[in-house]
PDB file of N, CA and C in Angstrom:
ATOM      1  N   MET A   1      24.224 -71.837 -55.765  1.00  0.00           N
ATOM      2  CA  MET A   1      25.132 -70.731 -55.609  1.00  0.00           C
ATOM      3  C   MET A   1      26.483 -71.322 -55.183  1.00  0.00           C
ATOM      4  N   ASN A   2      27.476 -71.037 -55.969  1.00  0.00           N
ATOM      5  CA  ASN A   2      28.791 -71.551 -55.625  1.00  0.00           C
ATOM      6  C   ASN A   2      29.586 -70.482 -54.893  1.00  0.00           C
ATOM      7  N   ILE A   3      30.770 -70.797 -54.496  1.00  0.00           N
ATOM      8  CA  ILE A   3      31.605 -69.908 -53.699  1.00  0.00           C
ATOM      9  C   ILE A   3      32.010 -68.660 -54.468  1.00  0.00           C
ATOM     10  N   ASN A   4      32.202 -68.770 -55.780  1.00  0.00           N
ATOM     11  CA  ASN A   4      32.588 -67.606 -56.577  1.00  0.00           C
ATOM     12  C   ASN A   4      31.469 -66.573 -56.644  1.00  0.00           C
ATOM     13  N   SER A   5      30.231 -67.009 -56.809  1.00  0.00           N
ATOM     14  CA  SER A   5      29.126 -66.052 -56.867  1.00  0.00           C
ATOM     15  C   SER A   5      28.887 -65.411 -55.505  1.00  0.00           C
ATOM     16  N   ALA A   6      29.131 -66.123 -54.433  1.00  0.00           N
ATOM     17  CA  ALA A   6      28.990 -65.555 -53.090  1.00  0.00           C
ATOM     18  C   ALA A   6      30.037 -64.485 -52.858  1.00  0.00           C
ATOM     19  N   ILE A   7      31.255 -64.704 -53.332  1.00  0.00           N
ATOM     20  CA  ILE A   7      32.319 -63.708 -53.179  1.00  0.00           C
ATOM     21  C   ILE A   7      31.995 -62.472 -54.009  1.00  0.00           C
ATOM     22  N   LEU A   8      31.473 -62.655 -55.218  1.00  0.00           N
ATOM     23  CA  LEU A   8      31.119 -61.509 -56.064  1.00  0.00           C
ATOM     24  C   LEU A   8      29.998 -60.685 -55.438  1.00  0.00           C
ATOM     25  N   LEU A   9      29.017 -61.356 -54.850  1.00  0.00           N
ATOM     26  CA  LEU A   9      27.925 -60.627 -54.206  1.00  0.00           C
ATOM     27  C   LEU A   9      28.427 -59.847 -52.996  1.00  0.00           C
ATOM     28  N   ALA A  10      29.347 -60.397 -52.263  1.00  0.00           N
ATOM     29  CA  ALA A  10      29.888 -59.729 -51.089  1.00  0.00           C
ATOM     30  C   ALA A  10      30.730 -58.525 -51.482  1.00  0.00           C
ATOM     31  N   GLN A  11      31.307 -58.536 -52.676  1.00  0.00           N
ATOM     32  CA  GLN A  11      32.185 -57.450 -53.083  1.00  0.00           C
ATOM     33  C   GLN A  11      31.458 -56.329 -53.808  1.00  0.00           C
ATOM     34  N   THR A  12      30.227 -56.511 -54.177  1.00  0.00           N
ATOM     35  CA  THR A  12      29.509 -55.447 -54.878  1.00  0.00           C
ATOM     36  C   THR A  12      29.205 -54.326 -53.881  1.00  0.00           C
ATOM     37  N   PRO A  13      29.384 -53.088 -54.300  1.00  0.00           N
ATOM     38  CA  PRO A  13      29.137 -51.981 -53.370  1.00  0.00           C
ATOM     39  C   PRO A  13      27.650 -51.895 -53.023  1.00  0.00           C
ATOM     40  N   ALA A  14      27.401 -51.507 -51.796  1.00  0.00           N
ATOM     41  CA  ALA A  14      26.012 -51.332 -51.358  1.00  0.00           C
ATOM     42  C   ALA A  14      25.410 -50.143 -52.092  1.00  0.00           C
ATOM     43  N   GLN A  15      24.139 -50.230 -52.337  1.00  0.00           N
ATOM     44  CA  GLN A  15      23.488 -49.126 -53.032  1.00  0.00           C
ATOM     45  C   GLN A  15      23.433 -47.922 -52.094  1.00  0.00           C
ATOM     46  N   GLU A  16      23.708 -46.780 -52.652  1.00  0.00           N
ATOM     47  CA  GLU A  16      23.706 -45.563 -51.851  1.00  0.00           C
ATOM     48  C   GLU A  16      22.286 -45.060 -51.691  1.00  0.00           C
ATOM     49  N   GLY A  17      21.998 -44.580 -50.494  1.00  0.00           N
ATOM     50  CA  GLY A  17      20.695 -43.991 -50.219  1.00  0.00           C
ATOM     51  C   GLY A  17      20.774 -42.488 -50.379  1.00  0.00           C
ATOM     52  N   PRO A  18      19.790 -41.793 -49.881  1.00  0.00           N
ATOM     53  CA  PRO A  18      19.814 -40.335 -49.959  1.00  0.00           C
ATOM     54  C   PRO A  18      20.951 -39.786 -49.099  1.00  0.00           C
ATOM     55  N   PRO A  19      21.390 -38.577 -49.378  1.00  0.00           N
ATOM     56  CA  PRO A  19      22.452 -37.977 -48.565  1.00  0.00           C
ATOM     57  C   PRO A  19      22.029 -37.896 -47.091  1.00  0.00           C
ATOM     58  N   ALA A  20      23.017 -37.916 -46.221  1.00  0.00           N
ATOM     59  CA  ALA A  20      22.744 -37.936 -44.777  1.00  0.00           C
ATOM     60  C   ALA A  20      21.922 -36.731 -44.335  1.00  0.00           C
ATOM     61  N   LEU A  21      22.202 -35.568 -44.884  1.00  0.00           N
ATOM     62  CA  LEU A  21      21.469 -34.362 -44.499  1.00  0.00           C
ATOM     63  C   LEU A  21      19.994 -34.477 -44.865  1.00  0.00           C
ATOM     64  N   LEU A  22      19.729 -35.117 -45.985  1.00  0.00           N
ATOM     65  CA  LEU A  22      18.345 -35.261 -46.432  1.00  0.00           C
ATOM     66  C   LEU A  22      17.528 -36.125 -45.480  1.00  0.00           C
ATOM     67  N   THR A  23      18.166 -37.030 -44.772  1.00  0.00           N
ATOM     68  CA  THR A  23      17.423 -37.863 -43.819  1.00  0.00           C
ATOM     69  C   THR A  23      17.013 -37.071 -42.588  1.00  0.00           C
ATOM     70  N   PHE A  24      17.684 -35.958 -42.291  1.00  0.00           N
ATOM     71  CA  PHE A  24      17.333 -35.155 -41.127  1.00  0.00           C
ATOM     72  C   PHE A  24      16.291 -34.084 -41.431  1.00  0.00           C
ATOM     73  N   VAL A  25      15.971 -33.870 -42.677  1.00  0.00           N
ATOM     74  CA  VAL A  25      15.012 -32.818 -43.051  1.00  0.00           C
ATOM     75  C   VAL A  25      13.652 -33.017 -42.380  1.00  0.00           C
ATOM     76  N   PRO A  26      13.073 -34.220 -42.348  1.00  0.00           N
ATOM     77  CA  PRO A  26      11.782 -34.363 -41.655  1.00  0.00           C
ATOM     78  C   PRO A  26      11.856 -34.002 -40.171  1.00  0.00           C
ATOM     79  N   PHE A  27      12.968 -34.363 -39.517  1.00  0.00           N
ATOM     80  CA  PHE A  27      13.114 -34.030 -38.103  1.00  0.00           C
ATOM     81  C   PHE A  27      13.241 -32.532 -37.901  1.00  0.00           C
ATOM     82  N   ILE A  28      13.955 -31.872 -38.793  1.00  0.00           N
ATOM     83  CA  ILE A  28      14.104 -30.418 -38.705  1.00  0.00           C
ATOM     84  C   ILE A  28      12.749 -29.745 -38.923  1.00  0.00           C
ATOM     85  N   LEU A  29      11.992 -30.215 -39.886  1.00  0.00           N
ATOM     86  CA  LEU A  29      10.659 -29.644 -40.140  1.00  0.00           C
ATOM     87  C   LEU A  29       9.723 -29.867 -38.957  1.00  0.00           C
ATOM     88  N   MET A  30       9.807 -31.035 -38.331  1.00  0.00           N
ATOM     89  CA  MET A  30       8.968 -31.298 -37.154  1.00  0.00           C
ATOM     90  C   MET A  30       9.347 -30.369 -36.006  1.00  0.00           C
ATOM     91  N   PHE A  31      10.639 -30.135 -35.806  1.00  0.00           N
ATOM     92  CA  PHE A  31      11.057 -29.230 -34.745  1.00  0.00           C
ATOM     93  C   PHE A  31      10.576 -27.808 -35.012  1.00  0.00           C
ATOM     94  N   VAL A  32      10.674 -27.351 -36.250  1.00  0.00           N
ATOM     95  CA  VAL A  32      10.216 -26.002 -36.592  1.00  0.00           C
ATOM     96  C   VAL A  32       8.709 -25.875 -36.345  1.00  0.00           C
ATOM     97  N   ALA A  33       7.955 -26.875 -36.767  1.00  0.00           N
ATOM     98  CA  ALA A  33       6.504 -26.856 -36.527  1.00  0.00           C
ATOM     99  C   ALA A  33       6.209 -26.878 -35.036  1.00  0.00           C
ATOM    100  N   PHE A  34       6.910 -27.708 -34.290  1.00  0.00           N
ATOM    101  CA  PHE A  34       6.741 -27.798 -32.845  1.00  0.00           C
ATOM    102  C   PHE A  34       7.013 -26.443 -32.198  1.00  0.00           C
ATOM    103  N   TYR A  35       8.059 -25.773 -32.646  1.00  0.00           N
ATOM    104  CA  TYR A  35       8.408 -24.476 -32.087  1.00  0.00           C
ATOM    105  C   TYR A  35       7.295 -23.460 -32.322  1.00  0.00           C
ATOM    106  N   PHE A  36       6.819 -23.355 -33.562  1.00  0.00           N
ATOM    107  CA  PHE A  36       5.819 -22.341 -33.870  1.00  0.00           C
ATOM    108  C   PHE A  36       4.438 -22.672 -33.323  1.00  0.00           C
ATOM    109  N   LEU A  37       4.137 -23.936 -33.116  1.00  0.00           N
ATOM    110  CA  LEU A  37       2.820 -24.304 -32.595  1.00  0.00           C
ATOM    111  C   LEU A  37       2.763 -24.347 -31.076  1.00  0.00           C
ATOM    112  N   LEU A  38       3.875 -24.643 -30.414  1.00  0.00           N
ATOM    113  CA  LEU A  38       3.843 -24.811 -28.964  1.00  0.00           C
ATOM    114  C   LEU A  38       4.761 -23.857 -28.194  1.00  0.00           C
ATOM    115  N   ILE A  39       5.992 -23.779 -28.577  1.00  0.00           N
ATOM    116  CA  ILE A  39       6.960 -23.037 -27.773  1.00  0.00           C
ATOM    117  C   ILE A  39       6.759 -21.525 -27.893  1.00  0.00           C
ATOM    118  N   ALA A  40       6.645 -21.002 -29.096  1.00  0.00           N
ATOM    119  CA  ALA A  40       6.510 -19.549 -29.285  1.00  0.00           C
ATOM    120  C   ALA A  40       5.234 -18.995 -28.632  1.00  0.00           C
ATOM    121  N   PRO A  41       4.068 -19.626 -28.806  1.00  0.00           N
ATOM    122  CA  PRO A  41       2.873 -19.088 -28.127  1.00  0.00           C
ATOM    123  C   PRO A  41       2.989 -19.122 -26.599  1.00  0.00           C
ATOM    124  N   GLN A  42       3.633 -20.163 -26.055  1.00  0.00           N
ATOM    125  CA  GLN A  42       3.803 -20.250 -24.605  1.00  0.00           C
ATOM    126  C   GLN A  42       4.704 -19.133 -24.105  1.00  0.00           C
ATOM    127  N   LYS A  43       5.759 -18.826 -24.836  1.00  0.00           N
ATOM    128  CA  LYS A  43       6.640 -17.722 -24.447  1.00  0.00           C
ATOM    129  C   LYS A  43       5.870 -16.404 -24.459  1.00  0.00           C
ATOM    130  N   LYS A  44       5.018 -16.228 -25.469  1.00  0.00           N
ATOM    131  CA  LYS A  44       4.232 -14.998 -25.575  1.00  0.00           C
ATOM    132  C   LYS A  44       3.279 -14.873 -24.380  1.00  0.00           C
ATOM    133  N   ARG A  45       2.616 -15.975 -24.019  1.00  0.00           N
ATOM    134  CA  ARG A  45       1.708 -15.955 -22.868  1.00  0.00           C
ATOM    135  C   ARG A  45       2.459 -15.632 -21.581  1.00  0.00           C
ATOM    136  N   MET A  46       3.643 -16.191 -21.432  1.00  0.00           N
ATOM    137  CA  MET A  46       4.426 -15.928 -20.221  1.00  0.00           C
ATOM    138  C   MET A  46       4.830 -14.458 -20.134  1.00  0.00           C
ATOM    139  N   LYS A  47       5.213 -13.874 -21.263  1.00  0.00           N
ATOM    140  CA  LYS A  47       5.591 -12.460 -21.272  1.00  0.00           C
ATOM    141  C   LYS A  47       4.394 -11.575 -20.935  1.00  0.00           C
ATOM    142  N   GLU A  48       3.222 -11.897 -21.496  1.00  0.00           N
ATOM    143  CA  GLU A  48       2.020 -11.103 -21.215  1.00  0.00           C
ATOM    144  C   GLU A  48       1.629 -11.218 -19.751  1.00  0.00           C
ATOM    145  N   HIS A  49       1.726 -12.417 -19.173  1.00  0.00           N
ATOM    146  CA  HIS A  49       1.389 -12.613 -17.763  1.00  0.00           C
ATOM    147  C   HIS A  49       2.354 -11.826 -16.885  1.00  0.00           C
ATOM    148  N   GLN A  50       3.640 -11.868 -17.207  1.00  0.00           N
ATOM    149  CA  GLN A  50       4.640 -11.120 -16.439  1.00  0.00           C
ATOM    150  C   GLN A  50       4.373  -9.617 -16.524  1.00  0.00           C
ATOM    151  N   LYS A  51       4.006  -9.142 -17.697  1.00  0.00           N
ATOM    152  CA  LYS A  51       3.695  -7.719 -17.883  1.00  0.00           C
ATOM    153  C   LYS A  51       2.471  -7.327 -17.043  1.00  0.00           C
ATOM    154  N   MET A  52       1.452  -8.202 -17.021  1.00  0.00           N
ATOM    155  CA  MET A  52       0.256  -7.936 -16.225  1.00  0.00           C
ATOM    156  C   MET A  52       0.608  -7.866 -14.739  1.00  0.00           C
ATOM    157  N   ILE A  53       1.426  -8.797 -14.266  1.00  0.00           N
ATOM    158  CA  ILE A  53       1.807  -8.820 -12.853  1.00  0.00           C
ATOM    159  C   ILE A  53       2.591  -7.562 -12.479  1.00  0.00           C
ATOM    160  N   GLU A  54       3.500  -7.147 -13.355  1.00  0.00           N
ATOM    161  CA  GLU A  54       4.299  -5.956 -13.076  1.00  0.00           C
ATOM    162  C   GLU A  54       3.454  -4.685 -13.048  1.00  0.00           C
ATOM    163  N   SER A  55       2.328  -4.677 -13.755  1.00  0.00           N
ATOM    164  CA  SER A  55       1.495  -3.486 -13.801  1.00  0.00           C
ATOM    165  C   SER A  55       0.511  -3.395 -12.631  1.00  0.00           C
ATOM    166  N   LEU A  56       0.423  -4.429 -11.803  1.00  0.00           N
ATOM    167  CA  LEU A  56      -0.527  -4.415 -10.682  1.00  0.00           C
ATOM    168  C   LEU A  56      -0.086  -3.428  -9.606  1.00  0.00           C
ATOM    169  N   GLU A  57      -1.046  -2.753  -9.028  1.00  0.00           N
ATOM    170  CA  GLU A  57      -0.809  -1.782  -7.967  1.00  0.00           C
ATOM    171  C   GLU A  57      -1.718  -2.094  -6.789  1.00  0.00           C
ATOM    172  N   VAL A  58      -1.402  -1.512  -5.656  1.00  0.00           N
ATOM    173  CA  VAL A  58      -2.237  -1.653  -4.463  1.00  0.00           C
ATOM    174  C   VAL A  58      -3.612  -1.079  -4.781  1.00  0.00           C
ATOM    175  N   GLY A  59      -4.654  -1.817  -4.451  1.00  0.00           N
ATOM    176  CA  GLY A  59      -6.020  -1.387  -4.715  1.00  0.00           C
ATOM    177  C   GLY A  59      -6.660  -2.064  -5.909  1.00  0.00           C
ATOM    178  N   ASP A  60      -5.880  -2.758  -6.717  1.00  0.00           N
ATOM    179  CA  ASP A  60      -6.444  -3.464  -7.880  1.00  0.00           C
ATOM    180  C   ASP A  60      -7.216  -4.700  -7.428  1.00  0.00           C
ATOM    181  N   ASP A  61      -8.363  -4.922  -8.045  1.00  0.00           N
ATOM    182  CA  ASP A  61      -9.140  -6.132  -7.790  1.00  0.00           C
ATOM    183  C   ASP A  61      -8.591  -7.253  -8.663  1.00  0.00           C
ATOM    184  N   VAL A  62      -8.417  -8.436  -8.059  1.00  0.00           N
ATOM    185  CA  VAL A  62      -7.816  -9.552  -8.778  1.00  0.00           C
ATOM    186  C   VAL A  62      -8.554 -10.852  -8.464  1.00  0.00           C
ATOM    187  N   ILE A  63      -8.277 -11.848  -9.303  1.00  0.00           N
ATOM    188  CA  ILE A  63      -8.733 -13.217  -9.071  1.00  0.00           C
ATOM    189  C   ILE A  63      -7.493 -14.086  -9.134  1.00  0.00           C
ATOM    190  N   THR A  64      -7.328 -14.955  -8.150  1.00  0.00           N
ATOM    191  CA  THR A  64      -6.162 -15.840  -8.138  1.00  0.00           C
ATOM    192  C   THR A  64      -6.454 -17.083  -8.965  1.00  0.00           C
ATOM    193  N   VAL A  65      -5.419 -17.892  -9.209  1.00  0.00           N
ATOM    194  CA  VAL A  65      -5.610 -19.124  -9.962  1.00  0.00           C
ATOM    195  C   VAL A  65      -6.499 -20.103  -9.202  1.00  0.00           C
ATOM    196  N   GLY A  66      -6.628 -19.926  -7.895  1.00  0.00           N
ATOM    197  CA  GLY A  66      -7.515 -20.767  -7.091  1.00  0.00           C
ATOM    198  C   GLY A  66      -8.947 -20.277  -7.086  1.00  0.00           C
ATOM    199  N   GLY A  67      -9.219 -19.153  -7.759  1.00  0.00           N
ATOM    200  CA  GLY A  67     -10.584 -18.634  -7.853  1.00  0.00           C
ATOM    201  C   GLY A  67     -10.962 -17.691  -6.730  1.00  0.00           C
ATOM    202  N   ILE A  68     -10.014 -17.188  -5.978  1.00  0.00           N
ATOM    203  CA  ILE A  68     -10.291 -16.286  -4.865  1.00  0.00           C
ATOM    204  C   ILE A  68     -10.306 -14.852  -5.374  1.00  0.00           C
ATOM    205  N   PHE A  69     -11.407 -14.144  -5.086  1.00  0.00           N
ATOM    206  CA  PHE A  69     -11.534 -12.737  -5.439  1.00  0.00           C
ATOM    207  C   PHE A  69     -10.959 -11.910  -4.304  1.00  0.00           C
ATOM    208  N   GLY A  70     -10.243 -10.847  -4.636  1.00  0.00           N
ATOM    209  CA  GLY A  70      -9.702  -9.990  -3.595  1.00  0.00           C
ATOM    210  C   GLY A  70      -9.176  -8.690  -4.159  1.00  0.00           C
ATOM    211  N   LYS A  71      -8.654  -7.884  -3.246  1.00  0.00           N
ATOM    212  CA  LYS A  71      -8.086  -6.586  -3.600  1.00  0.00           C
ATOM    213  C   LYS A  71      -6.661  -6.560  -3.065  1.00  0.00           C
ATOM    214  N   ILE A  72      -5.733  -6.125  -3.905  1.00  0.00           N
ATOM    215  CA  ILE A  72      -4.335  -6.094  -3.494  1.00  0.00           C
ATOM    216  C   ILE A  72      -4.168  -5.044  -2.394  1.00  0.00           C
ATOM    217  N   ALA A  73      -3.643  -5.489  -1.236  1.00  0.00           N
ATOM    218  CA  ALA A  73      -3.456  -4.605  -0.093  1.00  0.00           C
ATOM    219  C   ALA A  73      -1.986  -4.293   0.142  1.00  0.00           C
ATOM    220  N   GLY A  74      -1.110  -5.080  -0.440  1.00  0.00           N
ATOM    221  CA  GLY A  74       0.315  -4.843  -0.249  1.00  0.00           C
ATOM    222  C   GLY A  74       1.122  -5.568  -1.306  1.00  0.00           C
ATOM    223  N   LYS A  75       2.333  -5.075  -1.511  1.00  0.00           N
ATOM    224  CA  LYS A  75       3.207  -5.624  -2.537  1.00  0.00           C
ATOM    225  C   LYS A  75       4.552  -5.962  -1.914  1.00  0.00           C
ATOM    226  N   LYS A  76       5.059  -7.149  -2.201  1.00  0.00           N
ATOM    227  CA  LYS A  76       6.397  -7.539  -1.766  1.00  0.00           C
ATOM    228  C   LYS A  76       7.185  -7.958  -3.001  1.00  0.00           C
ATOM    229  N   GLU A  77       8.414  -8.388  -2.770  1.00  0.00           N
ATOM    230  CA  GLU A  77       9.264  -8.748  -3.901  1.00  0.00           C
ATOM    231  C   GLU A  77       8.687  -9.908  -4.711  1.00  0.00           C
ATOM    232  N   LYS A  78       8.220 -10.959  -4.021  1.00  0.00           N
ATOM    233  CA  LYS A  78       7.737 -12.141  -4.725  1.00  0.00           C
ATOM    234  C   LYS A  78       6.275 -12.464  -4.455  1.00  0.00           C
ATOM    235  N   SER A  79       5.588 -11.603  -3.712  1.00  0.00           N
ATOM    236  CA  SER A  79       4.205 -11.914  -3.366  1.00  0.00           C
ATOM    237  C   SER A  79       3.373 -10.645  -3.224  1.00  0.00           C
ATOM    238  N   PHE A  80       2.075 -10.858  -3.176  1.00  0.00           N
ATOM    239  CA  PHE A  80       1.107  -9.794  -2.897  1.00  0.00           C
ATOM    240  C   PHE A  80       0.345 -10.165  -1.640  1.00  0.00           C
ATOM    241  N   THR A  81      -0.057  -9.159  -0.880  1.00  0.00           N
ATOM    242  CA  THR A  81      -1.012  -9.370   0.198  1.00  0.00           C
ATOM    243  C   THR A  81      -2.366  -9.000  -0.386  1.00  0.00           C
ATOM    244  N   VAL A  82      -3.294  -9.954  -0.343  1.00  0.00           N
ATOM    245  CA  VAL A  82      -4.605  -9.761  -0.951  1.00  0.00           C
ATOM    246  C   VAL A  82      -5.657  -9.766   0.151  1.00  0.00           C
ATOM    247  N   ARG A  83      -6.478  -8.717   0.184  1.00  0.00           N
ATOM    248  CA  ARG A  83      -7.582  -8.643   1.148  1.00  0.00           C
ATOM    249  C   ARG A  83      -8.782  -9.323   0.510  1.00  0.00           C
ATOM    250  N   ILE A  84      -9.260 -10.399   1.146  1.00  0.00           N
ATOM    251  CA  ILE A  84     -10.373 -11.157   0.561  1.00  0.00           C
ATOM    252  C   ILE A  84     -11.684 -10.906   1.294  1.00  0.00           C
ATOM    253  N   ALA A  85     -11.629 -10.335   2.492  1.00  0.00           N
ATOM    254  CA  ALA A  85     -12.823  -9.959   3.246  1.00  0.00           C
ATOM    255  C   ALA A  85     -12.382  -8.938   4.281  1.00  0.00           C
ATOM    256  N   ASP A  86     -13.345  -8.354   4.991  1.00  0.00           N
ATOM    257  CA  ASP A  86     -12.999  -7.375   6.021  1.00  0.00           C
ATOM    258  C   ASP A  86     -12.116  -8.036   7.071  1.00  0.00           C
ATOM    259  N   GLY A  87     -10.909  -7.526   7.198  1.00  0.00           N
ATOM    260  CA  GLY A  87      -9.981  -8.031   8.197  1.00  0.00           C
ATOM    261  C   GLY A  87      -9.298  -9.343   7.832  1.00  0.00           C
ATOM    262  N   VAL A  88      -9.544  -9.864   6.630  1.00  0.00           N
ATOM    263  CA  VAL A  88      -8.920 -11.121   6.222  1.00  0.00           C
ATOM    264  C   VAL A  88      -7.975 -10.832   5.062  1.00  0.00           C
ATOM    265  N   LYS A  89      -6.697 -11.076   5.325  1.00  0.00           N
ATOM    266  CA  LYS A  89      -5.700 -10.867   4.286  1.00  0.00           C
ATOM    267  C   LYS A  89      -4.910 -12.155   4.111  1.00  0.00           C
ATOM    268  N   ILE A  90      -4.593 -12.455   2.861  1.00  0.00           N
ATOM    269  CA  ILE A  90      -3.758 -13.616   2.563  1.00  0.00           C
ATOM    270  C   ILE A  90      -2.587 -13.164   1.712  1.00  0.00           C
ATOM    271  N   GLU A  91      -1.521 -13.923   1.795  1.00  0.00           N
ATOM    272  CA  GLU A  91      -0.353 -13.615   0.978  1.00  0.00           C
ATOM    273  C   GLU A  91      -0.265 -14.667  -0.121  1.00  0.00           C
ATOM    274  N   VAL A  92      -0.197 -14.205  -1.365  1.00  0.00           N
ATOM    275  CA  VAL A  92      -0.119 -15.119  -2.508  1.00  0.00           C
ATOM    276  C   VAL A  92       1.090 -14.751  -3.357  1.00  0.00           C
ATOM    277  N   LEU A  93       1.640 -15.750  -4.021  1.00  0.00           N
ATOM    278  CA  LEU A  93       2.732 -15.495  -4.949  1.00  0.00           C
ATOM    279  C   LEU A  93       2.238 -14.626  -6.099  1.00  0.00           C
ATOM    280  N   LYS A  94       3.127 -13.844  -6.646  1.00  0.00           N
ATOM    281  CA  LYS A  94       2.745 -12.998  -7.777  1.00  0.00           C
ATOM    282  C   LYS A  94       2.250 -13.840  -8.951  1.00  0.00           C
ATOM    283  N   SER A  95       2.848 -15.000  -9.145  1.00  0.00           N
ATOM    284  CA  SER A  95       2.445 -15.858 -10.262  1.00  0.00           C
ATOM    285  C   SER A  95       1.059 -16.464 -10.057  1.00  0.00           C
ATOM    286  N   ALA A  96       0.497 -16.372  -8.847  1.00  0.00           N
ATOM    287  CA  ALA A  96      -0.828 -16.931  -8.571  1.00  0.00           C
ATOM    288  C   ALA A  96      -1.961 -15.989  -8.976  1.00  0.00           C
ATOM    289  N   ILE A  97      -1.625 -14.779  -9.389  1.00  0.00           N
ATOM    290  CA  ILE A  97      -2.654 -13.845  -9.859  1.00  0.00           C
ATOM    291  C   ILE A  97      -2.963 -14.187 -11.308  1.00  0.00           C
ATOM    292  N   GLN A  98      -4.232 -14.510 -11.564  1.00  0.00           N
ATOM    293  CA  GLN A  98      -4.620 -14.917 -12.913  1.00  0.00           C
ATOM    294  C   GLN A  98      -5.322 -13.801 -13.674  1.00  0.00           C
ATOM    295  N   THR A  99      -6.194 -13.066 -12.995  1.00  0.00           N
ATOM    296  CA  THR A  99      -7.039 -12.098 -13.686  1.00  0.00           C
ATOM    297  C   THR A  99      -7.087 -10.795 -12.905  1.00  0.00           C
ATOM    298  N   VAL A 100      -7.121  -9.696 -13.627  1.00  0.00           N
ATOM    299  CA  VAL A 100      -7.314  -8.377 -13.031  1.00  0.00           C
ATOM    300  C   VAL A 100      -8.718  -7.920 -13.399  1.00  0.00           C
ATOM    301  N   ILE A 101      -9.475  -7.479 -12.403  1.00  0.00           N
ATOM    302  CA  ILE A 101     -10.830  -6.975 -12.649  1.00  0.00           C
ATOM    303  C   ILE A 101     -10.725  -5.464 -12.788  1.00  0.00           C
ATOM    304  N   LYS A 102     -11.091  -4.975 -13.958  1.00  0.00           N
ATOM    305  CA  LYS A 102     -11.001  -3.536 -14.227  1.00  0.00           C
ATOM    306  C   LYS A 102     -12.168  -2.814 -13.545  1.00  0.00           C
ATOM    307  N   PRO A 103     -12.036  -1.502 -13.317  1.00  0.00           N
ATOM    308  CA  PRO A 103     -13.095  -0.752 -12.636  1.00  0.00           C
ATOM    309  C   PRO A 103     -14.451  -0.827 -13.330  1.00  0.00           C
ATOM    310  N   ASP A 104     -14.467  -1.017 -14.645  1.00  0.00           N
ATOM    311  CA  ASP A 104     -15.748  -1.088 -15.346  1.00  0.00           C
ATOM    312  C   ASP A 104     -16.370  -2.487 -15.285  1.00  0.00           C
ATOM    313  N   GLY A 105     -15.739  -3.404 -14.564  1.00  0.00           N
ATOM    314  CA  GLY A 105     -16.288  -4.744 -14.400  1.00  0.00           C
ATOM    315  C   GLY A 105     -15.756  -5.785 -15.364  1.00  0.00           C
ATOM    316  N   THR A 106     -15.037  -5.346 -16.384  1.00  0.00           N
ATOM    317  CA  THR A 106     -14.458  -6.325 -17.323  1.00  0.00           C
ATOM    318  C   THR A 106     -13.190  -6.918 -16.706  1.00  0.00           C
ATOM    319  N   THR A 107     -12.782  -8.031 -17.256  1.00  0.00           N
ATOM    320  CA  THR A 107     -11.590  -8.691 -16.731  1.00  0.00           C
ATOM    321  C   THR A 107     -10.468  -8.659 -17.750  1.00  0.00           C
ATOM    322  N   SER A 108      -9.274  -8.645 -17.231  1.00  0.00           N
ATOM    323  CA  SER A 108      -8.081  -8.726 -18.048  1.00  0.00           C
ATOM    324  C   SER A 108      -7.364  -9.987 -17.607  1.00  0.00           C
ATOM    325  N   SER A 109      -7.621 -11.075 -18.324  1.00  0.00           N
ATOM    326  CA  SER A 109      -7.074 -12.372 -17.925  1.00  0.00           C
ATOM    327  C   SER A 109      -5.670 -12.558 -18.422  1.00  0.00           C
ATOM    328  N   SER A 110      -4.956 -13.329 -17.656  1.00  0.00           N
ATOM    329  CA  SER A 110      -3.666 -13.801 -18.126  1.00  0.00           C
ATOM    330  C   SER A 110      -3.968 -14.921 -19.108  1.00  0.00           C
ATOM    331  N   PRO A 111      -3.382 -14.897 -20.287  1.00  0.00           N
ATOM    332  CA  PRO A 111      -3.691 -15.924 -21.286  1.00  0.00           C
ATOM    333  C   PRO A 111      -3.030 -17.254 -20.928  1.00  0.00           C
ATOM    334  N   THR A 112      -3.647 -18.024 -20.056  1.00  0.00           N
ATOM    335  CA  THR A 112      -3.040 -19.278 -19.597  1.00  0.00           C
ATOM    336  C   THR A 112      -3.507 -20.464 -20.390  1.00  0.00           C
ATOM    337  N   THR A 113      -4.473 -20.309 -21.252  1.00  0.00           N
ATOM    338  CA  THR A 113      -4.939 -21.464 -22.023  1.00  0.00           C
ATOM    339  C   THR A 113      -4.587 -21.306 -23.464  1.00  0.00           C
TER     340      THR A 113
END
């Protein structure tokens, strides 16, 4: 290879690849799939849990995320007072309520899984 052929090779234009936008298409598709498989269902679960918490009233039987059975004895802005035994009351965050036990014995769980 002499100097003239090296100069000619250096001056040849590089081959063009796909357009720049086309290289981002796989990333865009992955983000869309990620959104519909993970983010959207999680938002739906959070909305349902919030709706369940807002519908709770004094006297409702509940199960906390720690597995404690009790009856709501009081309501505050960010917490509930839950009676877990005669004369034993605990205060738990509203977000710690996982399941509502309906009067017929069935449960209405927060969809956390």
